[in-house]
PDB file of N, CA and C in Angstrom:
ATOM      1  N   MET A   1    -101.326-102.037  21.454  1.00  0.00           N
ATOM      2  CA  MET A   1     -99.808-102.158  21.159  1.00  0.00           C
ATOM      3  C   MET A   1     -99.021-101.377  21.997  1.00  0.00           C
ATOM      4  N   LYS A   2     -99.476-100.275  21.883  1.00  0.00           N
ATOM      5  CA  LYS A   2     -98.442 -99.036  22.602  1.00  0.00           C
ATOM      6  C   LYS A   2     -98.978 -99.123  23.955  1.00  0.00           C
ATOM      7  N   HIS A   3     -99.985 -99.674  24.405  1.00  0.00           N
ATOM      8  CA  HIS A   3    -100.441 -99.864  25.768  1.00  0.00           C
ATOM      9  C   HIS A   3     -99.573-100.776  26.569  1.00  0.00           C
ATOM     10  N   GLU A   4     -99.237-101.330  25.448  1.00  0.00           N
ATOM     11  CA  GLU A   4     -98.623-102.748  26.214  1.00  0.00           C
ATOM     12  C   GLU A   4     -97.262-102.379  26.432  1.00  0.00           C
ATOM     13  N   PHE A   5     -96.530-101.458  25.576  1.00  0.00           N
ATOM     14  CA  PHE A   5     -95.147-100.858  26.075  1.00  0.00           C
ATOM     15  C   PHE A   5     -95.156-100.006  27.094  1.00  0.00           C
ATOM     16  N   ALA A   6     -96.317 -99.459  27.129  1.00  0.00           N
ATOM     17  CA  ALA A   6     -96.439 -98.424  28.531  1.00  0.00           C
ATOM     18  C   ALA A   6     -96.446 -98.967  29.850  1.00  0.00           C
ATOM     19  N   ASP A   7     -96.974-100.211  29.812  1.00  0.00           N
ATOM     20  CA  ASP A   7     -97.290-101.125  31.341  1.00  0.00           C
ATOM     21  C   ASP A   7     -95.655-101.553  31.159  1.00  0.00           C
ATOM     22  N   PHE A   8     -95.082-101.959  29.944  1.00  0.00           N
ATOM     23  CA  PHE A   8     -93.815-102.885  30.290  1.00  0.00           C
ATOM     24  C   PHE A   8     -92.889-101.664  30.991  1.00  0.00           C
ATOM     25  N   ASP A   9     -93.051-100.629  30.150  1.00  0.00           N
ATOM     26  CA  ASP A   9     -92.198 -99.410  30.975  1.00  0.00           C
ATOM     27  C   ASP A   9     -92.292 -99.229  32.293  1.00  0.00           C
ATOM     28  N   GLN A  10     -93.561 -99.336  32.891  1.00  0.00           N
ATOM     29  CA  GLN A  10     -93.822 -99.186  33.923  1.00  0.00           C
ATOM     30  C   GLN A  10     -93.149-100.023  35.149  1.00  0.00           C
ATOM     31  N   PHE A  11     -93.700-101.355  34.550  1.00  0.00           N
ATOM     32  CA  PHE A  11     -93.248-102.472  35.445  1.00  0.00           C
ATOM     33  C   PHE A  11     -91.834-102.449  35.550  1.00  0.00           C
ATOM     34  N   PHE A  12     -90.822-102.040  34.397  1.00  0.00           N
ATOM     35  CA  PHE A  12     -89.362-102.068  34.320  1.00  0.00           C
ATOM     36  C   PHE A  12     -88.897-101.159  35.345  1.00  0.00           C
ATOM     37  N   ASN A  13     -89.714 -99.778  35.553  1.00  0.00           N
ATOM     38  CA  ASN A  13     -89.204 -98.773  36.116  1.00  0.00           C
ATOM     39  C   ASN A  13     -89.127 -98.707  37.483  1.00  0.00           C
ATOM     40  N   LEU A  14     -90.536 -99.551  37.622  1.00  0.00           N
ATOM     41  CA  LEU A  14     -90.927 -99.396  39.248  1.00  0.00           C
ATOM     42  C   LEU A  14     -90.368-100.516  40.101  1.00  0.00           C
ATOM     43  N   THR A  15     -90.210-101.561  39.491  1.00  0.00           N
ATOM     44  CA  THR A  15     -90.084-102.829  40.163  1.00  0.00           C
ATOM     45  C   THR A  15     -88.877-102.997  40.901  1.00  0.00           C
ATOM     46  N   LYS A  16     -88.734-103.148  42.098  1.00  0.00           N
ATOM     47  CA  LYS A  16     -87.359-103.396  43.069  1.00  0.00           C
ATOM     48  C   LYS A  16     -86.618-104.284  42.660  1.00  0.00           C
ATOM     49  N   TYR A  17     -86.844-105.327  41.789  1.00  0.00           N
ATOM     50  CA  TYR A  17     -86.210-106.424  41.362  1.00  0.00           C
ATOM     51  C   TYR A  17     -85.105-105.650  40.169  1.00  0.00           C
ATOM     52  N   MET A  18     -84.127-106.500  40.168  1.00  0.00           N
ATOM     53  CA  MET A  18     -83.236-106.265  38.778  1.00  0.00           C
ATOM     54  C   MET A  18     -83.794-106.777  37.556  1.00  0.00           C
ATOM     55  N   ALA A  19     -83.830-106.089  36.734  1.00  0.00           N
ATOM     56  CA  ALA A  19     -84.761-106.465  35.114  1.00  0.00           C
ATOM     57  C   ALA A  19     -83.639-105.791  34.340  1.00  0.00           C
ATOM     58  N   CYS A  20     -83.277-106.582  33.247  1.00  0.00           N
ATOM     59  CA  CYS A  20     -82.851-106.167  31.983  1.00  0.00           C
ATOM     60  C   CYS A  20     -82.854-107.063  31.057  1.00  0.00           C
ATOM     61  N   TYR A  21     -82.144-106.562  29.695  1.00  0.00           N
ATOM     62  CA  TYR A  21     -82.231-107.477  28.790  1.00  0.00           C
ATOM     63  C   TYR A  21     -81.108-107.097  28.161  1.00  0.00           C
ATOM     64  N   ILE A  22     -80.621-108.184  27.413  1.00  0.00           N
ATOM     65  CA  ILE A  22     -79.299-108.228  27.086  1.00  0.00           C
ATOM     66  C   ILE A  22     -79.550-108.363  25.405  1.00  0.00           C
ATOM     67  N   ARG A  23     -78.808-107.578  24.632  1.00  0.00           N
ATOM     68  CA  ARG A  23     -78.824-107.637  23.196  1.00  0.00           C
ATOM     69  C   ARG A  23     -77.858-108.757  22.539  1.00  0.00           C
ATOM     70  N   PRO A  24     -78.208-109.016  21.502  1.00  0.00           N
ATOM     71  CA  PRO A  24     -77.421-110.110  20.780  1.00  0.00           C
ATOM     72  C   PRO A  24     -76.109-109.732  20.901  1.00  0.00           C
ATOM     73  N   ASP A  25     -75.443-108.388  20.615  1.00  0.00           N
ATOM     74  CA  ASP A  25     -74.143-108.336  20.690  1.00  0.00           C
ATOM     75  C   ASP A  25     -73.255-108.515  22.404  1.00  0.00           C
ATOM     76  N   GLY A  26     -74.137-108.800  23.115  1.00  0.00           N
ATOM     77  CA  GLY A  26     -73.460-109.028  24.505  1.00  0.00           C
ATOM     78  C   GLY A  26     -73.642-107.575  25.507  1.00  0.00           C
ATOM     79  N   PHE A  27     -73.994-106.815  25.099  1.00  0.00           N
ATOM     80  CA  PHE A  27     -74.488-105.622  26.203  1.00  0.00           C
ATOM     81  C   PHE A  27     -75.603-105.541  26.507  1.00  0.00           C
ATOM     82  N   PHE A  28     -75.737-104.926  27.523  1.00  0.00           N
ATOM     83  CA  PHE A  28     -77.296-104.764  28.333  1.00  0.00           C
ATOM     84  C   PHE A  28     -77.555-103.863  27.295  1.00  0.00           C
ATOM     85  N   GLY A  29     -78.747-104.207  27.124  1.00  0.00           N
ATOM     86  CA  GLY A  29     -79.778-103.084  25.880  1.00  0.00           C
ATOM     87  C   GLY A  29     -80.790-102.308  27.091  1.00  0.00           C
ATOM     88  N   ARG A  30     -80.946-102.597  28.515  1.00  0.00           N
ATOM     89  CA  ARG A  30     -81.714-101.938  29.180  1.00  0.00           C
ATOM     90  C   ARG A  30     -81.182-102.432  30.817  1.00  0.00           C
ATOM     91  N   VAL A  31     -81.175-101.541  31.506  1.00  0.00           N
ATOM     92  CA  VAL A  31     -81.046-102.175  32.942  1.00  0.00           C
ATOM     93  C   VAL A  31     -82.003-101.140  33.562  1.00  0.00           C
ATOM     94  N   ASN A  32     -82.808-101.750  35.032  1.00  0.00           N
ATOM     95  CA  ASN A  32     -83.175-100.592  35.714  1.00  0.00           C
ATOM     96  C   ASN A  32     -82.423-100.492  36.865  1.00  0.00           C
ATOM     97  N   SER A  33     -82.992 -99.223  37.998  1.00  0.00           N
ATOM     98  CA  SER A  33     -81.937 -98.712  38.832  1.00  0.00           C
ATOM     99  C   SER A  33     -81.448 -99.676  39.599  1.00  0.00           C
ATOM    100  N   ALA A  34     -82.198-100.817  39.707  1.00  0.00           N
ATOM    101  CA  ALA A  34     -81.868-101.837  41.275  1.00  0.00           C
ATOM    102  C   ALA A  34     -80.409-102.552  40.498  1.00  0.00           C
ATOM    103  N   TRP A  35     -80.316-102.426  39.686  1.00  0.00           N
ATOM    104  CA  TRP A  35     -78.844-102.760  39.166  1.00  0.00           C
ATOM    105  C   TRP A  35     -77.711-101.937  39.535  1.00  0.00           C
ATOM    106  N   SER A  36     -77.975-100.415  39.532  1.00  0.00           N
ATOM    107  CA  SER A  36     -76.960 -99.598  40.140  1.00  0.00           C
ATOM    108  C   SER A  36     -76.864 -99.594  41.590  1.00  0.00           C
ATOM    109  N   LEU A  37     -78.228 -99.720  42.154  1.00  0.00           N
ATOM    110  CA  LEU A  37     -78.536 -99.744  43.559  1.00  0.00           C
ATOM    111  C   LEU A  37     -77.793-101.151  44.262  1.00  0.00           C
ATOM    112  N   GLU A  38     -77.571-102.286  43.628  1.00  0.00           N
ATOM    113  CA  GLU A  38     -77.211-103.381  43.734  1.00  0.00           C
ATOM    114  C   GLU A  38     -75.463-103.378  43.759  1.00  0.00           C
ATOM    115  N   PHE A  39     -74.993-102.904  42.597  1.00  0.00           N
ATOM    116  CA  PHE A  39     -73.785-103.247  42.149  1.00  0.00           C
ATOM    117  C   PHE A  39     -72.905-102.224  42.194  1.00  0.00           C
ATOM    118  N   GLY A  40     -73.564-100.762  42.208  1.00  0.00           N
ATOM    119  CA  GLY A  40     -72.740 -99.702  42.324  1.00  0.00           C
ATOM    120  C   GLY A  40     -72.277 -98.775  40.981  1.00  0.00           C
ATOM    121  N   TRP A  41     -72.650 -99.861  40.038  1.00  0.00           N
ATOM    122  CA  TRP A  41     -72.120 -99.153  38.474  1.00  0.00           C
ATOM    123  C   TRP A  41     -73.381 -98.103  38.064  1.00  0.00           C
ATOM    124  N   THR A  42     -72.775 -97.367  37.348  1.00  0.00           N
ATOM    125  CA  THR A  42     -74.017 -96.200  36.752  1.00  0.00           C
ATOM    126  C   THR A  42     -74.919 -96.950  35.726  1.00  0.00           C
ATOM    127  N   GLN A  43     -75.617 -96.065  35.312  1.00  0.00           N
ATOM    128  CA  GLN A  43     -76.450 -97.001  33.889  1.00  0.00           C
ATOM    129  C   GLN A  43     -75.499 -97.200  33.063  1.00  0.00           C
ATOM    130  N   GLU A  44     -74.931 -95.433  32.666  1.00  0.00           N
ATOM    131  CA  GLU A  44     -74.071 -95.480  31.213  1.00  0.00           C
ATOM    132  C   GLU A  44     -73.295 -96.481  31.336  1.00  0.00           C
ATOM    133  N   GLU A  45     -72.289 -96.943  32.544  1.00  0.00           N
ATOM    134  CA  GLU A  45     -71.045 -97.949  32.769  1.00  0.00           C
ATOM    135  C   GLU A  45     -71.777 -99.289  32.234  1.00  0.00           C
ATOM    136  N   LEU A  46     -72.990 -99.427  32.727  1.00  0.00           N
ATOM    137  CA  LEU A  46     -73.722-100.893  32.732  1.00  0.00           C
ATOM    138  C   LEU A  46     -73.722-101.186  31.109  1.00  0.00           C
ATOM    139  N   LEU A  47     -74.515-100.061  30.541  1.00  0.00           N
ATOM    140  CA  LEU A  47     -74.682-100.340  29.331  1.00  0.00           C
ATOM    141  C   LEU A  47     -73.873-100.008  28.271  1.00  0.00           C
ATOM    142  N   SER A  48     -72.681 -99.572  28.600  1.00  0.00           N
ATOM    143  CA  SER A  48     -71.404 -99.888  27.840  1.00  0.00           C
ATOM    144  C   SER A  48     -70.261-100.617  27.895  1.00  0.00           C
ATOM    145  N   THR A  49     -70.330-101.490  28.585  1.00  0.00           N
ATOM    146  CA  THR A  49     -69.601-102.697  28.798  1.00  0.00           C
ATOM    147  C   THR A  49     -70.180-103.789  28.703  1.00  0.00           C
ATOM    148  N   PRO A  50     -69.492-104.732  27.896  1.00  0.00           N
ATOM    149  CA  PRO A  50     -70.216-106.011  27.562  1.00  0.00           C
ATOM    150  C   PRO A  50     -70.386-106.935  29.156  1.00  0.00           C
ATOM    151  N   VAL A  51     -71.591-107.773  28.921  1.00  0.00           N
ATOM    152  CA  VAL A  51     -71.786-108.148  30.304  1.00  0.00           C
ATOM    153  C   VAL A  51     -71.075-109.042  30.435  1.00  0.00           C
ATOM    154  N   LEU A  52     -70.441-109.978  30.003  1.00  0.00           N
ATOM    155  CA  LEU A  52     -69.340-110.672  30.392  1.00  0.00           C
ATOM    156  C   LEU A  52     -68.244-110.164  31.045  1.00  0.00           C
ATOM    157  N   GLU A  53     -68.060-108.895  31.048  1.00  0.00           N
ATOM    158  CA  GLU A  53     -66.960-108.513  31.610  1.00  0.00           C
ATOM    159  C   GLU A  53     -67.484-107.960  33.240  1.00  0.00           C
ATOM    160  N   PHE A  54     -68.942-108.057  33.369  1.00  0.00           N
ATOM    161  CA  PHE A  54     -68.960-107.926  34.915  1.00  0.00           C
ATOM    162  C   PHE A  54     -68.911-109.108  35.688  1.00  0.00           C
ATOM    163  N   LEU A  55     -68.855-110.527  34.780  1.00  0.00           N
ATOM    164  CA  LEU A  55     -68.839-111.566  35.157  1.00  0.00           C
ATOM    165  C   LEU A  55     -67.432-112.073  36.238  1.00  0.00           C
ATOM    166  N   HIS A  56     -67.242-113.100  36.759  1.00  0.00           N
ATOM    167  CA  HIS A  56     -66.143-113.227  37.414  1.00  0.00           C
ATOM    168  C   HIS A  56     -65.359-114.057  36.290  1.00  0.00           C
ATOM    169  N   PRO A  57     -64.250-113.711  36.162  1.00  0.00           N
ATOM    170  CA  PRO A  57     -63.115-114.395  35.167  1.00  0.00           C
ATOM    171  C   PRO A  57     -63.729-115.913  35.020  1.00  0.00           C
ATOM    172  N   ASN A  58     -63.928-116.872  36.191  1.00  0.00           N
ATOM    173  CA  ASN A  58     -64.136-118.303  36.244  1.00  0.00           C
ATOM    174  C   ASN A  58     -65.714-118.492  35.784  1.00  0.00           C
ATOM    175  N   ASP A  59     -66.462-117.530  35.667  1.00  0.00           N
ATOM    176  CA  ASP A  59     -67.969-118.067  35.520  1.00  0.00           C
ATOM    177  C   ASP A  59     -68.166-117.614  33.882  1.00  0.00           C
ATOM    178  N   ARG A  60     -67.398-116.708  33.391  1.00  0.00           N
ATOM    179  CA  ARG A  60     -67.899-116.493  31.761  1.00  0.00           C
ATOM    180  C   ARG A  60     -67.509-117.675  30.956  1.00  0.00           C
ATOM    181  N   PRO A  61     -66.783-118.680  30.878  1.00  0.00           N
ATOM    182  CA  PRO A  61     -67.084-119.723  29.934  1.00  0.00           C
ATOM    183  C   PRO A  61     -68.384-120.427  30.208  1.00  0.00           C
ATOM    184  N   PRO A  62     -68.847-120.765  30.971  1.00  0.00           N
ATOM    185  CA  PRO A  62     -69.956-121.699  31.363  1.00  0.00           C
ATOM    186  C   PRO A  62     -71.137-120.693  30.971  1.00  0.00           C
ATOM    187  N   ILE A  63     -71.068-119.479  31.553  1.00  0.00           N
ATOM    188  CA  ILE A  63     -72.379-118.727  31.160  1.00  0.00           C
ATOM    189  C   ILE A  63     -72.589-118.381  29.881  1.00  0.00           C
ATOM    190  N   SER A  64     -70.955-118.098  28.883  1.00  0.00           N
ATOM    191  CA  SER A  64     -71.147-117.970  27.546  1.00  0.00           C
ATOM    192  C   SER A  64     -71.985-118.938  27.008  1.00  0.00           C
ATOM    193  N   GLN A  65     -71.758-120.720  26.993  1.00  0.00           N
ATOM    194  CA  GLN A  65     -72.194-121.707  26.413  1.00  0.00           C
ATOM    195  C   GLN A  65     -73.562-121.654  26.849  1.00  0.00           C
ATOM    196  N   ALA A  66     -73.914-121.617  28.435  1.00  0.00           N
ATOM    197  CA  ALA A  66     -75.306-121.623  28.522  1.00  0.00           C
ATOM    198  C   ALA A  66     -76.232-120.577  27.741  1.00  0.00           C
ATOM    199  N   LEU A  67     -75.462-119.413  27.700  1.00  0.00           N
ATOM    200  CA  LEU A  67     -76.566-118.495  26.968  1.00  0.00           C
ATOM    201  C   LEU A  67     -76.615-118.807  25.275  1.00  0.00           C
ATOM    202  N   LEU A  68     -75.575-119.295  25.132  1.00  0.00           N
ATOM    203  CA  LEU A  68     -75.648-119.801  23.606  1.00  0.00           C
ATOM    204  C   LEU A  68     -76.550-120.720  23.256  1.00  0.00           C
ATOM    205  N   ARG A  69     -76.653-122.007  24.348  1.00  0.00           N
ATOM    206  CA  ARG A  69     -77.617-122.773  24.212  1.00  0.00           C
ATOM    207  C   ARG A  69     -78.742-122.792  24.115  1.00  0.00           C
ATOM    208  N   ALA A  70     -79.420-121.453  25.203  1.00  0.00           N
ATOM    209  CA  ALA A  70     -80.420-120.789  25.438  1.00  0.00           C
ATOM    210  C   ALA A  70     -81.058-120.228  23.983  1.00  0.00           C
ATOM    211  N   ALA A  71     -80.229-119.321  23.394  1.00  0.00           N
ATOM    212  CA  ALA A  71     -80.533-118.649  22.206  1.00  0.00           C
ATOM    213  C   ALA A  71     -80.756-119.547  20.983  1.00  0.00           C
ATOM    214  N   GLU A  72     -79.686-120.856  21.019  1.00  0.00           N
ATOM    215  CA  GLU A  72     -80.185-121.440  19.821  1.00  0.00           C
ATOM    216  C   GLU A  72     -81.282-122.412  20.143  1.00  0.00           C
ATOM    217  N   ALA A  73     -81.649-122.720  21.318  1.00  0.00           N
ATOM    218  CA  ALA A  73     -82.673-123.644  21.674  1.00  0.00           C
ATOM    219  C   ALA A  73     -84.197-122.698  21.591  1.00  0.00           C
ATOM    220  N   ASN A  74     -84.011-121.269  21.662  1.00  0.00           N
ATOM    221  CA  ASN A  74     -84.909-120.535  21.880  1.00  0.00           C
ATOM    222  C   ASN A  74     -85.627-120.774  23.338  1.00  0.00           C
ATOM    223  N   SER A  75     -84.405-120.752  24.309  1.00  0.00           N
ATOM    224  CA  SER A  75     -85.645-120.945  25.622  1.00  0.00           C
ATOM    225  C   SER A  75     -84.834-120.396  26.806  1.00  0.00           C
ATOM    226  N   ALA A  76     -85.264-120.115  27.708  1.00  0.00           N
ATOM    227  CA  ALA A  76     -84.575-119.712  29.042  1.00  0.00           C
ATOM    228  C   ALA A  76     -83.560-120.618  29.695  1.00  0.00           C
ATOM    229  N   ALA A  77     -82.583-119.983  30.355  1.00  0.00           N
ATOM    230  CA  ALA A  77     -81.512-120.627  31.114  1.00  0.00           C
ATOM    231  C   ALA A  77     -81.513-120.138  32.539  1.00  0.00           C
ATOM    232  N   ALA A  78     -81.595-121.038  33.276  1.00  0.00           N
ATOM    233  CA  ALA A  78     -81.194-120.603  34.878  1.00  0.00           C
ATOM    234  C   ALA A  78     -79.945-120.565  34.982  1.00  0.00           C
ATOM    235  N   ILE A  79     -79.471-119.402  35.200  1.00  0.00           N
ATOM    236  CA  ILE A  79     -78.071-119.150  35.757  1.00  0.00           C
ATOM    237  C   ILE A  79     -77.325-118.527  36.828  1.00  0.00           C
ATOM    238  N   ASP A  80     -76.439-118.954  37.717  1.00  0.00           N
ATOM    239  CA  ASP A  80     -75.783-118.322  38.827  1.00  0.00           C
ATOM    240  C   ASP A  80     -74.243-117.969  38.763  1.00  0.00           C
ATOM    241  N   ASN A  81     -73.978-117.022  38.918  1.00  0.00           N
ATOM    242  CA  ASN A  81     -72.784-116.425  38.658  1.00  0.00           C
ATOM    243  C   ASN A  81     -72.724-115.303  39.626  1.00  0.00           C
ATOM    244  N   ARG A  82     -71.231-115.135  39.668  1.00  0.00           N
ATOM    245  CA  ARG A  82     -70.850-113.680  40.369  1.00  0.00           C
ATOM    246  C   ARG A  82     -70.785-112.676  39.631  1.00  0.00           C
ATOM    247  N   PHE A  83     -71.370-111.642  39.925  1.00  0.00           N
ATOM    248  CA  PHE A  83     -71.201-110.331  39.271  1.00  0.00           C
ATOM    249  C   PHE A  83     -70.196-109.447  40.280  1.00  0.00           C
ATOM    250  N   HIS A  84     -69.624-108.754  39.338  1.00  0.00           N
ATOM    251  CA  HIS A  84     -68.528-107.982  39.874  1.00  0.00           C
ATOM    252  C   HIS A  84     -69.286-106.618  40.201  1.00  0.00           C
ATOM    253  N   CYS A  85     -68.848-105.894  41.599  1.00  0.00           N
ATOM    254  CA  CYS A  85     -69.522-104.580  41.981  1.00  0.00           C
ATOM    255  C   CYS A  85     -68.216-103.604  41.663  1.00  0.00           C
ATOM    256  N   LYS A  86     -68.864-102.033  41.779  1.00  0.00           N
ATOM    257  CA  LYS A  86     -67.668-100.965  41.507  1.00  0.00           C
ATOM    258  C   LYS A  86     -66.519-101.387  42.448  1.00  0.00           C
ATOM    259  N   ASP A  87     -66.946-101.605  43.667  1.00  0.00           N
ATOM    260  CA  ASP A  87     -66.244-101.543  45.111  1.00  0.00           C
ATOM    261  C   ASP A  87     -65.198-102.467  44.815  1.00  0.00           C
ATOM    262  N   GLY A  88     -65.000-103.494  43.878  1.00  0.00           N
ATOM    263  CA  GLY A  88     -64.133-104.702  44.041  1.00  0.00           C
ATOM    264  C   GLY A  88     -64.725-106.188  44.229  1.00  0.00           C
ATOM    265  N   LYS A  89     -65.432-105.959  44.980  1.00  0.00           N
ATOM    266  CA  LYS A  89     -66.202-107.274  45.439  1.00  0.00           C
ATOM    267  C   LYS A  89     -67.014-107.728  44.372  1.00  0.00           C
ATOM    268  N   TYR A  90     -67.289-109.268  44.348  1.00  0.00           N
ATOM    269  CA  TYR A  90     -68.052-109.848  43.937  1.00  0.00           C
ATOM    270  C   TYR A  90     -69.712-110.266  44.447  1.00  0.00           C
ATOM    271  N   LYS A  91     -70.693-110.294  43.833  1.00  0.00           N
ATOM    272  CA  LYS A  91     -72.006-110.896  44.918  1.00  0.00           C
ATOM    273  C   LYS A  91     -72.384-111.746  43.585  1.00  0.00           C
ATOM    274  N   TRP A  92     -73.206-112.859  44.262  1.00  0.00           N
ATOM    275  CA  TRP A  92     -73.686-114.052  43.807  1.00  0.00           C
ATOM    276  C   TRP A  92     -74.977-113.684  43.159  1.00  0.00           C
ATOM    277  N   ILE A  93     -75.553-113.886  42.004  1.00  0.00           N
ATOM    278  CA  ILE A  93     -76.667-113.601  41.742  1.00  0.00           C
ATOM    279  C   ILE A  93     -77.265-114.968  40.796  1.00  0.00           C
ATOM    280  N   SER A  94     -78.510-115.026  40.823  1.00  0.00           N
ATOM    281  CA  SER A  94     -79.263-116.038  40.690  1.00  0.00           C
ATOM    282  C   SER A  94     -80.307-115.469  39.418  1.00  0.00           C
ATOM    283  N   TRP A  95     -80.385-115.477  37.985  1.00  0.00           N
ATOM    284  CA  TRP A  95     -81.057-115.196  37.227  1.00  0.00           C
ATOM    285  C   TRP A  95     -81.269-115.940  36.040  1.00  0.00           C
ATOM    286  N   ASN A  96     -82.474-115.397  35.274  1.00  0.00           N
ATOM    287  CA  ASN A  96     -83.058-116.344  34.125  1.00  0.00           C
ATOM    288  C   ASN A  96     -82.783-115.679  32.672  1.00  0.00           C
ATOM    289  N   ALA A  97     -81.972-116.016  32.080  1.00  0.00           N
ATOM    290  CA  ALA A  97     -81.711-115.262  30.517  1.00  0.00           C
ATOM    291  C   ALA A  97     -82.789-116.210  29.557  1.00  0.00           C
TER     292      ALA A  97
END
C-alpha cells in the first residue's frame, strides 16, 4: 500500500497536466504545480480559497449542482467552466470531478 502512495505522489508531482483533488468542504485538498503555472495563483492561495471562488460567477450554480449530483451518485462529472486567473482574466477549462 505504501508503494501505491509513492507512485501516486510521483505521478501527481511530475505530470505536466493539472491534477488536484477537492475536499468535501469545497477546498482544494491538493494541487500540483501545473495549477500555479496555468493560473498564476500560489499553491497556498489555491489551497486556502474555496474552489467555487475561482470560478466565474455565472458558472458557480451549475458547477455546484453538477458536483452534488456526482457526489450523490458516486460517479464522475465532466465539467467545463471559466477559472479566474491571478491577473484578472478567465480561462476555460474542461475537467472531470
